[in-house]
Amino acid sequence: AQEVARYLEIYDRDREENAFNWRLIGPRGHQTVNCDALVTIPEIDALIRHPGVLQPVEALLGGPACLSELCLRHMAPYDGAPVQGWHRDLPHVLDHPLRTGYLHCMIYLTDVDADSHCFSISPEASDAPILEKEEQLERGGIVDLHGPAGTVALFNLSVLHAATVRATTRERKTVQTYYGHRSGPVLSHYSTIPARLWRD
């Protein structure tokens, strides 16, 4: 609870003091993001390196991890029809035992339940056939991830997933970090990583 309160304070301070760094994303603008939080609030680095996150990430990847991207995301109250943009961020990595090239770590800083926006995934086994979107949704179904503030989800970003937008009066606040294999290619160039955090 103390860690959640600390990171929520950092998150809220960033949205207030660095509003110019937050931008709308998505076709309907349901989310705003700051993908340069290591510049605007460098203390967020401690969350990226949190042993409760980093140790499971490296166990799942099967070796040393590197930061690929970090985005703070905000979903505002919404009054409209539900929206789900199902997608895979990248193809599966077929020469990895879990078909995982990158892991996405999503940390809820607010309580998330059936009356709020949430993260949704269509589960698939690492040895199951890789299906197109509609076939996967039929086979794997949809799991909405609900949980109190502090809930952490680690998932292969090649698995079908979506942000579920619902009519709600509540905000959803998340920290979303992407980790890759240290020896692998760069995932994106969305996040600026100050040299003192990777070199020193």
C-alpha atoms as a PDB file:
ATOM      1  CA  ALA A   1       0.000   0.000   0.000  1.00  0.00           C
ATOM      2  CA  GLN A   2       2.865   2.387   0.761  1.00  0.00           C
ATOM      3  CA  GLU A   3       4.479   1.717  -2.614  1.00  0.00           C
ATOM      4  CA  VAL A   4       1.185   2.220  -4.442  1.00  0.00           C
ATOM      5  CA  ALA A   5       0.622   5.524  -2.632  1.00  0.00           C
ATOM      6  CA  ARG A   6       4.162   6.655  -3.464  1.00  0.00           C
ATOM      7  CA  TYR A   7       3.913   5.852  -7.164  1.00  0.00           C
ATOM      8  CA  LEU A   8       0.405   7.290  -7.417  1.00  0.00           C
ATOM      9  CA  GLU A   9       1.730  10.553  -5.974  1.00  0.00           C
ATOM     10  CA  ILE A  10       4.587  10.546  -8.520  1.00  0.00           C
ATOM     11  CA  TYR A  11       2.129   9.776 -11.339  1.00  0.00           C
ATOM     12  CA  ASP A  12      -0.318  12.525 -10.331  1.00  0.00           C
ATOM     13  CA  ARG A  13       2.504  15.030  -9.918  1.00  0.00           C
ATOM     14  CA  ASP A  14       3.739  14.249 -13.405  1.00  0.00           C
ATOM     15  CA  ARG A  15       0.284  14.771 -14.936  1.00  0.00           C
ATOM     16  CA  GLU A  16      -0.027  18.096 -13.135  1.00  0.00           C
ATOM     17  CA  GLU A  17       3.481  19.498 -13.602  1.00  0.00           C
ATOM     18  CA  ASN A  18       4.316  17.997 -17.008  1.00  0.00           C
ATOM     19  CA  ALA A  19       0.955  18.082 -18.775  1.00  0.00           C
ATOM     20  CA  PHE A  20       2.722  19.192 -21.962  1.00  0.00           C
ATOM     21  CA  ASN A  21       4.355  15.731 -22.116  1.00  0.00           C
ATOM     22  CA  TRP A  22       1.039  13.844 -22.113  1.00  0.00           C
ATOM     23  CA  ARG A  23      -0.607  13.166 -25.482  1.00  0.00           C
ATOM     24  CA  LEU A  24      -3.748  11.475 -26.771  1.00  0.00           C
ATOM     25  CA  ILE A  25      -3.418   8.049 -28.383  1.00  0.00           C
ATOM     26  CA  GLY A  26      -5.791   5.715 -30.169  1.00  0.00           C
ATOM     27  CA  PRO A  27      -8.344   6.352 -32.885  1.00  0.00           C
ATOM     28  CA  ARG A  28     -10.900   7.709 -30.414  1.00  0.00           C
ATOM     29  CA  GLY A  29      -8.478   9.331 -27.975  1.00  0.00           C
ATOM     30  CA  HIS A  30      -9.483   7.226 -24.962  1.00  0.00           C
ATOM     31  CA  GLN A  31      -6.029   7.366 -23.426  1.00  0.00           C
ATOM     32  CA  THR A  32      -3.360   9.932 -22.762  1.00  0.00           C
ATOM     33  CA  VAL A  33       0.235   8.834 -22.293  1.00  0.00           C
ATOM     34  CA  ASN A  34       3.625  10.095 -21.213  1.00  0.00           C
ATOM     35  CA  CYS A  35       6.302   7.830 -22.673  1.00  0.00           C
ATOM     36  CA  ASP A  36       9.158  10.047 -21.464  1.00  0.00           C
ATOM     37  CA  ALA A  37       8.530   9.639 -17.745  1.00  0.00           C
ATOM     38  CA  LEU A  38      12.190   8.792 -17.122  1.00  0.00           C
ATOM     39  CA  VAL A  39      12.910  12.381 -18.145  1.00  0.00           C
ATOM     40  CA  THR A  40       9.974  14.093 -16.418  1.00  0.00           C
ATOM     41  CA  ILE A  41       9.961  11.990 -13.202  1.00  0.00           C
ATOM     42  CA  PRO A  42      13.241  10.010 -13.033  1.00  0.00           C
ATOM     43  CA  GLU A  43      12.294   8.369  -9.717  1.00  0.00           C
ATOM     44  CA  ILE A  44       9.963   6.075 -11.688  1.00  0.00           C
ATOM     45  CA  ASP A  45      13.150   4.155 -12.552  1.00  0.00           C
ATOM     46  CA  ALA A  46      12.882   2.376  -9.194  1.00  0.00           C
ATOM     47  CA  LEU A  47       9.602   0.819 -10.335  1.00  0.00           C
ATOM     48  CA  ILE A  48      11.185  -0.456 -13.570  1.00  0.00           C
ATOM     49  CA  ARG A  49      13.917  -2.145 -11.518  1.00  0.00           C
ATOM     50  CA  HIS A  50      11.569  -3.333  -8.738  1.00  0.00           C
ATOM     51  CA  PRO A  51      12.678  -6.884  -7.792  1.00  0.00           C
ATOM     52  CA  GLY A  52       9.038  -7.995  -7.602  1.00  0.00           C
ATOM     53  CA  VAL A  53       8.784  -7.140 -11.288  1.00  0.00           C
ATOM     54  CA  LEU A  54      12.269  -7.653 -12.688  1.00  0.00           C
ATOM     55  CA  GLN A  55      12.885 -11.122 -11.241  1.00  0.00           C
ATOM     56  CA  PRO A  56       9.724 -12.677 -12.758  1.00  0.00           C
ATOM     57  CA  VAL A  57      10.378 -10.844 -16.049  1.00  0.00           C
ATOM     58  CA  GLU A  58      13.861 -12.330 -16.339  1.00  0.00           C
ATOM     59  CA  ALA A  59      12.600 -15.771 -15.319  1.00  0.00           C
ATOM     60  CA  LEU A  60       9.973 -15.682 -18.074  1.00  0.00           C
ATOM     61  CA  LEU A  61      12.375 -14.306 -20.687  1.00  0.00           C
ATOM     62  CA  GLY A  62      14.993 -16.861 -19.647  1.00  0.00           C
ATOM     63  CA  GLY A  63      17.822 -14.384 -19.135  1.00  0.00           C
ATOM     64  CA  PRO A  64      18.785 -10.746 -18.635  1.00  0.00           C
ATOM     65  CA  ALA A  65      16.153  -8.181 -19.604  1.00  0.00           C
ATOM     66  CA  CYS A  66      16.409  -4.663 -20.897  1.00  0.00           C
ATOM     67  CA  LEU A  67      13.941  -1.809 -20.847  1.00  0.00           C
ATOM     68  CA  SER A  68      12.277  -1.328 -24.205  1.00  0.00           C
ATOM     69  CA  GLU A  69       9.626   1.278 -23.382  1.00  0.00           C
ATOM     70  CA  LEU A  70       7.935   2.952 -20.412  1.00  0.00           C
ATOM     71  CA  CYS A  71       4.601   4.762 -20.635  1.00  0.00           C
ATOM     72  CA  LEU A  72       2.348   6.221 -17.980  1.00  0.00           C
ATOM     73  CA  ARG A  73      -1.231   5.896 -19.219  1.00  0.00           C
ATOM     74  CA  HIS A  74      -4.430   7.587 -18.155  1.00  0.00           C
ATOM     75  CA  MET A  75      -7.988   6.645 -19.132  1.00  0.00           C
ATOM     76  CA  ALA A  76     -10.556   9.313 -18.256  1.00  0.00           C
ATOM     77  CA  PRO A  77     -14.222   8.852 -17.331  1.00  0.00           C
ATOM     78  CA  TYR A  78     -16.242   7.952 -20.396  1.00  0.00           C
ATOM     79  CA  ASP A  79     -19.900   8.097 -21.417  1.00  0.00           C
ATOM     80  CA  GLY A  80     -20.424   5.995 -24.491  1.00  0.00           C
ATOM     81  CA  ALA A  81     -20.537   2.515 -25.998  1.00  0.00           C
ATOM     82  CA  PRO A  82     -17.871  -0.014 -24.949  1.00  0.00           C
ATOM     83  CA  VAL A  83     -14.731  -0.119 -27.091  1.00  0.00           C
ATOM     84  CA  GLN A  84     -12.132  -2.895 -27.445  1.00  0.00           C
ATOM     85  CA  GLY A  85      -9.281  -2.620 -29.932  1.00  0.00           C
ATOM     86  CA  TRP A  86      -8.004  -6.210 -30.076  1.00  0.00           C
ATOM     87  CA  HIS A  87      -4.421  -6.471 -31.292  1.00  0.00           C
ATOM     88  CA  ARG A  88      -1.024  -8.146 -31.022  1.00  0.00           C
ATOM     89  CA  ASP A  89       1.904  -5.746 -30.685  1.00  0.00           C
ATOM     90  CA  LEU A  90       4.320  -8.042 -32.546  1.00  0.00           C
ATOM     91  CA  PRO A  91       4.405 -11.568 -34.005  1.00  0.00           C
ATOM     92  CA  HIS A  92       5.319 -14.441 -31.700  1.00  0.00           C
ATOM     93  CA  VAL A  93       9.003 -15.342 -31.310  1.00  0.00           C
ATOM     94  CA  LEU A  94       8.932 -18.965 -32.373  1.00  0.00           C
ATOM     95  CA  ASP A  95      12.424 -19.931 -31.184  1.00  0.00           C
ATOM     96  CA  HIS A  96      11.666 -18.991 -27.540  1.00  0.00           C
ATOM     97  CA  PRO A  97      10.083 -21.708 -25.322  1.00  0.00           C
ATOM     98  CA  LEU A  98       7.218 -19.339 -24.398  1.00  0.00           C
ATOM     99  CA  ARG A  99       7.185 -17.651 -27.835  1.00  0.00           C
ATOM    100  CA  THR A 100       8.047 -14.419 -26.031  1.00  0.00           C
ATOM    101  CA  GLY A 101      10.275 -11.711 -27.405  1.00  0.00           C
ATOM    102  CA  TYR A 102       8.918  -8.957 -25.153  1.00  0.00           C
ATOM    103  CA  LEU A 103       6.952  -8.828 -21.929  1.00  0.00           C
ATOM    104  CA  HIS A 104       4.509  -6.077 -21.091  1.00  0.00           C
ATOM    105  CA  CYS A 105       4.212  -5.202 -17.399  1.00  0.00           C
ATOM    106  CA  MET A 106       1.023  -3.349 -16.525  1.00  0.00           C
ATOM    107  CA  ILE A 107       0.678  -1.948 -13.000  1.00  0.00           C
ATOM    108  CA  TYR A 108      -2.696  -0.643 -11.855  1.00  0.00           C
ATOM    109  CA  LEU A 109      -2.385   2.461  -9.671  1.00  0.00           C
ATOM    110  CA  THR A 110      -6.174   2.621  -9.206  1.00  0.00           C
ATOM    111  CA  ASP A 111      -8.714  -0.060  -8.366  1.00  0.00           C
ATOM    112  CA  VAL A 112     -10.048  -1.780 -11.482  1.00  0.00           C
ATOM    113  CA  ASP A 113     -13.290  -3.777 -11.626  1.00  0.00           C
ATOM    114  CA  ALA A 114     -16.321  -4.421 -13.822  1.00  0.00           C
ATOM    115  CA  ASP A 115     -17.396  -0.777 -13.414  1.00  0.00           C
ATOM    116  CA  SER A 116     -14.148   0.732 -14.727  1.00  0.00           C
ATOM    117  CA  HIS A 117     -11.888   0.566 -17.752  1.00  0.00           C
ATOM    118  CA  CYS A 118      -9.682  -2.523 -17.658  1.00  0.00           C
ATOM    119  CA  PHE A 119      -7.119  -4.623 -19.487  1.00  0.00           C
ATOM    120  CA  SER A 120      -8.451  -7.661 -21.357  1.00  0.00           C
ATOM    121  CA  ILE A 121      -6.645 -10.639 -22.860  1.00  0.00           C
ATOM    122  CA  SER A 122      -7.531 -13.750 -24.851  1.00  0.00           C
ATOM    123  CA  PRO A 123      -5.391 -16.473 -23.231  1.00  0.00           C
ATOM    124  CA  GLU A 124      -3.409 -18.877 -25.351  1.00  0.00           C
ATOM    125  CA  ALA A 125      -0.990 -21.671 -24.506  1.00  0.00           C
ATOM    126  CA  SER A 126       2.597 -21.358 -25.697  1.00  0.00           C
ATOM    127  CA  ASP A 127       2.240 -24.595 -27.668  1.00  0.00           C
ATOM    128  CA  ALA A 128      -1.200 -23.891 -29.157  1.00  0.00           C
ATOM    129  CA  PRO A 129      -1.659 -22.960 -32.810  1.00  0.00           C
ATOM    130  CA  ILE A 130      -1.438 -19.210 -33.439  1.00  0.00           C
ATOM    131  CA  LEU A 131      -4.827 -18.075 -34.714  1.00  0.00           C
ATOM    132  CA  GLU A 132      -6.200 -14.968 -36.379  1.00  0.00           C
ATOM    133  CA  LYS A 133      -8.128 -12.537 -34.182  1.00  0.00           C
ATOM    134  CA  GLU A 134     -11.675 -13.865 -34.486  1.00  0.00           C
ATOM    135  CA  GLU A 135     -10.594 -17.507 -34.224  1.00  0.00           C
ATOM    136  CA  GLN A 136      -8.465 -16.742 -31.157  1.00  0.00           C
ATOM    137  CA  LEU A 137     -11.311 -14.888 -29.428  1.00  0.00           C
ATOM    138  CA  GLU A 138     -13.586 -17.860 -30.080  1.00  0.00           C
ATOM    139  CA  ARG A 139     -11.029 -20.398 -28.819  1.00  0.00           C
ATOM    140  CA  GLY A 140      -9.496 -18.490 -25.895  1.00  0.00           C
ATOM    141  CA  GLY A 141     -12.404 -16.290 -24.915  1.00  0.00           C
ATOM    142  CA  ILE A 142     -11.894 -12.984 -23.129  1.00  0.00           C
ATOM    143  CA  VAL A 143     -10.545 -12.465 -19.618  1.00  0.00           C
ATOM    144  CA  ASP A 144     -10.945  -9.008 -18.075  1.00  0.00           C
ATOM    145  CA  LEU A 145      -8.224  -8.333 -15.531  1.00  0.00           C
ATOM    146  CA  HIS A 146      -9.687  -6.762 -12.400  1.00  0.00           C
ATOM    147  CA  GLY A 147      -7.780  -6.019  -9.227  1.00  0.00           C
ATOM    148  CA  PRO A 148      -6.995  -3.455  -6.567  1.00  0.00           C
ATOM    149  CA  ALA A 149      -4.411  -0.733  -7.001  1.00  0.00           C
ATOM    150  CA  GLY A 150      -1.026  -2.429  -7.012  1.00  0.00           C
ATOM    151  CA  THR A 151      -2.116  -5.316  -9.240  1.00  0.00           C
ATOM    152  CA  VAL A 152       0.642  -6.301 -11.691  1.00  0.00           C
ATOM    153  CA  ALA A 153       0.028  -8.120 -14.985  1.00  0.00           C
ATOM    154  CA  LEU A 154       2.902  -9.598 -16.981  1.00  0.00           C
ATOM    155  CA  PHE A 155       2.007 -10.785 -20.458  1.00  0.00           C
ATOM    156  CA  ASN A 156       3.563 -11.664 -23.781  1.00  0.00           C
ATOM    157  CA  LEU A 157       2.738  -8.712 -26.013  1.00  0.00           C
ATOM    158  CA  SER A 158       2.312 -11.134 -28.920  1.00  0.00           C
ATOM    159  CA  VAL A 159      -0.837 -12.512 -27.263  1.00  0.00           C
ATOM    160  CA  LEU A 160      -4.135 -10.940 -28.342  1.00  0.00           C
ATOM    161  CA  HIS A 161      -5.129  -8.166 -25.915  1.00  0.00           C
ATOM    162  CA  ALA A 162      -7.077  -4.917 -25.631  1.00  0.00           C
ATOM    163  CA  ALA A 163      -7.825  -1.958 -23.439  1.00  0.00           C
ATOM    164  CA  THR A 164     -11.515  -2.298 -22.570  1.00  0.00           C
ATOM    165  CA  VAL A 165     -13.194   1.107 -22.493  1.00  0.00           C
ATOM    166  CA  ARG A 166     -16.461   1.196 -20.547  1.00  0.00           C
ATOM    167  CA  ALA A 167     -18.974   3.843 -19.590  1.00  0.00           C
ATOM    168  CA  THR A 168     -17.627   4.881 -16.193  1.00  0.00           C
ATOM    169  CA  THR A 169     -17.174   7.869 -13.912  1.00  0.00           C
ATOM    170  CA  ARG A 170     -13.783   6.552 -12.786  1.00  0.00           C
ATOM    171  CA  GLU A 171     -10.248   7.076 -14.035  1.00  0.00           C
ATOM    172  CA  ARG A 172      -7.795   4.270 -14.719  1.00  0.00           C
ATOM    173  CA  LYS A 173      -4.134   5.036 -14.022  1.00  0.00           C
ATOM    174  CA  THR A 174      -1.406   2.620 -15.069  1.00  0.00           C
ATOM    175  CA  VAL A 175       2.338   2.348 -15.446  1.00  0.00           C
ATOM    176  CA  GLN A 176       3.152   0.200 -18.481  1.00  0.00           C
ATOM    177  CA  THR A 177       6.674  -1.069 -19.015  1.00  0.00           C
ATOM    178  CA  TYR A 178       7.959  -3.189 -21.879  1.00  0.00           C
ATOM    179  CA  TYR A 179      10.934  -5.498 -21.352  1.00  0.00           C
ATOM    180  CA  GLY A 180      12.895  -7.391 -23.984  1.00  0.00           C
ATOM    181  CA  HIS A 181      15.848  -9.747 -24.185  1.00  0.00           C
ATOM    182  CA  ARG A 182      19.057  -7.817 -23.547  1.00  0.00           C
ATOM    183  CA  SER A 183      20.566  -9.359 -26.686  1.00  0.00           C
ATOM    184  CA  GLY A 184      17.474  -8.720 -28.821  1.00  0.00           C
ATOM    185  CA  PRO A 185      16.420  -5.880 -31.114  1.00  0.00           C
ATOM    186  CA  VAL A 186      14.977  -2.602 -29.874  1.00  0.00           C
ATOM    187  CA  LEU A 187      11.185  -2.651 -29.553  1.00  0.00           C
ATOM    188  CA  SER A 188      10.495   1.051 -30.051  1.00  0.00           C
ATOM    189  CA  HIS A 189      11.912   4.537 -29.823  1.00  0.00           C
ATOM    190  CA  TYR A 190       8.944   6.023 -27.922  1.00  0.00           C
ATOM    191  CA  SER A 191      10.747   6.402 -24.594  1.00  0.00           C
ATOM    192  CA  THR A 192      13.775   8.581 -23.998  1.00  0.00           C
ATOM    193  CA  ILE A 193      16.165   6.876 -21.583  1.00  0.00           C
ATOM    194  CA  PRO A 194      18.647   9.314 -19.998  1.00  0.00           C
ATOM    195  CA  ALA A 195      22.234   8.102 -20.334  1.00  0.00           C
ATOM    196  CA  ARG A 196      22.820   8.249 -16.582  1.00  0.00           C
ATOM    197  CA  LEU A 197      20.158   5.535 -16.139  1.00  0.00           C
ATOM    198  CA  TRP A 198      21.655   3.061 -18.609  1.00  0.00           C
ATOM    199  CA  ARG A 199      25.322   3.955 -18.817  1.00  0.00           C
ATOM    200  CA  ASP A 200      26.113   4.945 -15.224  1.00  0.00           C
END
